[in-house]
Protein backbone atom coordinates (compact mmCIF):
# COMPACT_ATOMS: atom_id res chain seq x y z
CA MET A 1 -6.82 1.08 -25.53
CA ASP A 2 -9.37 -1.72 -24.59
CA ASP A 3 -12.84 -1.21 -24.51
CA TYR A 4 -15.18 -2.49 -21.33
CA ASP A 5 -16.36 -5.39 -23.72
CA SER A 6 -13.03 -6.61 -24.44
CA THR A 7 -11.28 -9.51 -22.70
CA ASP A 8 -8.09 -9.51 -20.96
CA VAL A 9 -5.52 -12.27 -19.77
CA LEU A 10 -7.23 -12.75 -16.45
CA MET A 11 -10.60 -13.22 -17.81
CA GLU A 12 -8.88 -15.58 -20.37
CA ALA A 13 -7.00 -17.33 -17.45
CA PHE A 14 -10.28 -18.55 -15.99
CA GLY A 15 -12.25 -18.72 -19.20
CA ILE A 16 -14.45 -16.13 -18.47
CA THR A 17 -16.22 -15.03 -21.79
CA GLN A 18 -17.76 -11.70 -22.44
CA GLU A 19 -21.30 -13.53 -22.48
CA LEU A 20 -20.71 -14.91 -18.86
CA LYS A 21 -19.63 -11.66 -17.97
CA ARG A 22 -22.80 -9.96 -18.90
CA GLU A 23 -24.91 -12.22 -16.94
CA ASN A 24 -23.71 -10.16 -13.86
CA LYS A 25 -21.07 -7.47 -14.64
CA GLN A 26 -21.07 -5.95 -11.04
CA PHE A 27 -20.27 -9.68 -9.77
CA TRP A 28 -17.43 -10.47 -12.33
CA GLY A 29 -15.81 -7.10 -11.82
CA ARG A 30 -15.57 -7.78 -8.19
CA GLN A 31 -14.26 -11.22 -8.33
CA LEU A 32 -11.68 -10.47 -11.08
CA GLY A 33 -10.65 -7.41 -8.85
CA MET A 34 -10.39 -9.71 -5.89
CA CYS A 35 -8.40 -12.28 -7.58
CA TRP A 36 -6.09 -9.77 -9.29
CA GLN A 37 -5.54 -8.33 -5.84
CA LEU A 38 -4.66 -11.74 -4.05
CA LEU A 39 -2.26 -12.77 -7.31
CA VAL A 40 -0.47 -9.61 -6.72
CA VAL A 41 0.15 -9.77 -3.00
CA GLU A 42 0.82 -13.65 -3.03
CA LEU A 43 3.36 -12.85 -5.84
CA CYS A 44 5.00 -10.03 -3.81
CA LYS A 45 4.69 -11.86 -0.62
CA ASN A 46 6.71 -14.83 -1.52
CA THR A 47 9.24 -13.25 -3.95
CA CYS A 48 10.14 -9.79 -2.35
CA SER A 49 12.33 -9.55 0.45
CA ASP A 50 10.66 -5.78 1.17
CA PHE A 51 7.09 -6.86 1.28
CA SER A 52 4.97 -5.49 4.05
CA VAL A 53 1.37 -6.10 4.34
CA ALA A 54 -1.47 -3.22 3.51
CA LEU A 55 -1.00 0.15 5.50
CA ARG A 56 -3.96 1.27 7.94
CA PHE A 57 -4.48 4.79 8.72
CA GLY A 58 -7.46 4.68 11.33
CA ALA A 59 -10.16 2.92 9.37
CA ASP A 60 -8.45 3.74 6.06
CA GLU A 61 -6.27 1.11 4.17
CA PRO A 62 -5.07 3.05 0.96
CA CYS A 63 -2.73 0.41 -0.22
CA ASP A 64 -2.79 -3.23 -0.61
CA LEU A 65 0.69 -4.09 -0.14
CA VAL A 66 4.19 -2.31 0.15
CA LEU A 67 7.24 -2.88 -1.45
CA GLY A 68 10.03 -0.97 0.04
CA LYS A 69 8.79 2.55 -0.23
CA ASP A 70 6.36 1.46 -2.78
CA ALA A 71 2.65 1.60 -1.41
CA ILE A 72 0.91 -0.42 -4.24
CA ASP A 73 -2.90 -0.47 -4.81
CA THR A 74 -4.08 -3.37 -7.12
CA LYS A 75 -7.23 -2.50 -9.25
CA TYR A 76 -8.69 -4.31 -12.38
CA ARG A 77 -10.26 -1.55 -13.51
CA VAL A 78 -12.07 1.65 -12.63
CA GLY A 79 -15.01 2.42 -14.11
CA SER A 80 -16.81 4.48 -11.38
CA GLY A 81 -16.40 7.81 -11.41
CA ASP A 82 -18.56 8.88 -8.59
CA SER A 83 -17.03 11.64 -6.32
CA GLY A 84 -16.34 9.78 -3.38
CA THR A 85 -14.20 7.45 -5.42
CA LEU A 86 -11.95 10.15 -7.31
CA LYS A 87 -11.93 12.20 -3.80
CA LYS A 88 -10.54 9.11 -1.81
CA PHE A 89 -7.82 8.60 -4.84
CA LYS A 90 -6.42 12.17 -4.21
CA GLN A 91 -6.53 12.12 -0.55
CA TYR A 92 -4.99 8.38 -0.10
CA GLY A 93 -2.23 9.56 -2.59
CA ASP A 94 -1.51 12.50 -0.51
CA LEU A 95 -1.48 10.79 2.93
CA LEU A 96 0.89 7.94 1.30
CA THR A 97 3.31 10.73 0.23
CA GLU A 98 2.95 12.57 3.46
CA LYS A 99 4.03 9.20 5.03
CA GLY A 100 7.11 8.66 3.15
CA TYR A 101 5.75 6.45 0.46
CA ARG A 102 5.59 6.47 -3.05
CA PRO A 103 1.66 5.92 -4.32
CA VAL A 104 1.50 2.94 -7.03
CA PHE A 105 -1.35 1.81 -8.81
CA LEU A 106 -1.41 -1.53 -10.67
CA PHE A 107 -4.43 -1.74 -12.97
CA LEU A 108 -4.78 -4.86 -14.57
CA ARG A 109 -6.95 -3.25 -17.71
CA GLU A 110 -6.38 -0.37 -19.95
CA ASP A 111 -9.80 0.61 -20.24
CA ASN A 112 -10.28 2.76 -17.01
CA LEU A 113 -12.43 5.80 -16.63
CA PRO A 114 -10.36 8.96 -17.81
CA ALA A 115 -11.64 10.97 -14.75
CA ALA A 116 -10.41 8.41 -12.37
CA MET A 117 -7.12 8.44 -13.74
CA THR A 118 -7.00 12.24 -13.69
CA ALA A 119 -7.84 11.70 -10.02
CA CYS A 120 -4.85 9.54 -9.52
CA GLN A 121 -2.14 11.99 -11.01
CA ALA A 122 -4.07 14.46 -9.03
CA GLY A 123 -3.26 12.47 -5.96
CA GLY A 124 0.34 11.98 -6.98
CA TRP A 125 0.08 8.35 -7.98
CA TYR A 126 2.48 6.36 -10.24
CA VAL A 127 -0.21 4.68 -12.37
CA TYR A 128 0.50 1.44 -14.50
CA ASN A 129 -1.99 0.01 -16.87
CA GLY A 130 -1.92 -3.32 -18.74
CA MET A 131 1.65 -4.56 -19.84
CA LYS A 132 3.21 -1.83 -17.97
CA THR A 133 2.00 -3.27 -14.76
CA PHE A 134 3.31 -6.60 -15.73
CA GLU A 135 6.41 -5.17 -16.51
CA TYR A 136 6.51 -3.46 -13.31
CA LEU A 137 5.63 -6.83 -11.43
CA LYS A 138 8.38 -8.54 -13.29
CA ASP A 139 10.78 -6.22 -12.47
CA LYS A 140 10.26 -6.29 -8.71
CA THR A 141 9.71 -10.05 -8.41
CA GLY A 142 11.56 -11.76 -11.02
CA PHE A 143 8.23 -13.55 -11.91
CA ASP A 144 6.31 -13.15 -15.37
CA LEU A 145 2.98 -13.05 -14.22
CA TYR A 146 1.58 -12.50 -17.64
CA GLU A 147 3.30 -15.35 -19.14
CA TRP A 148 1.99 -17.47 -15.91
CA LEU A 149 -1.34 -16.75 -16.61
CA CYS A 150 -0.95 -17.29 -20.68
CA PHE A 151 0.35 -20.63 -19.66
CA HIS A 152 -2.62 -21.67 -17.66
CA ARG A 153 -4.93 -20.05 -20.06
CA ASP A 154 -3.57 -22.32 -22.88
CA GLN A 155 -3.56 -25.17 -20.50
CA LYS A 156 -6.95 -24.26 -19.37
CA THR A 157 -6.04 -25.27 -15.78
CA PHE A 158 -8.47 -22.77 -14.15
CA PHE A 159 -11.40 -22.96 -16.41
CA ILE A 160 -14.70 -22.17 -14.66
CA ASN A 161 -16.92 -25.01 -15.51
CA ARG A 162 -20.85 -24.38 -14.87
CA GLY A 163 -21.92 -27.86 -16.25
């Protein structure tokens, strides 16, 4: 299992070091989370014939995309154990199941808060972490997102240049 101070393939693809991330962990966590969501949504939109946009139920948007009956929510990592977050995981999982969907979480990182993982499972979510997430995506899309990120990491295609 990773620990919070480890790097991951998404950070490496952009050349984001722990030193840079430590300058503002909340900012970088948000940016990496949004990047992860956009990568997964765009990959699925462009490769899957059963792709649908995020579901909305009133003001709630319990997932980022749908593939067939899989209602998928992407997360970079979950470090918050606040009761509101955990309650939402359970409620959204139950709601999606009631509507005939299979709730799926795709976590990039493996160092997620154990209480959050328990709340996901209590809500009926199918949870994929780390390489299991990349395997799920490759199975669904036919595209190896992990290898693509590694290629661009090695080429330094997307490295952040602050100079």
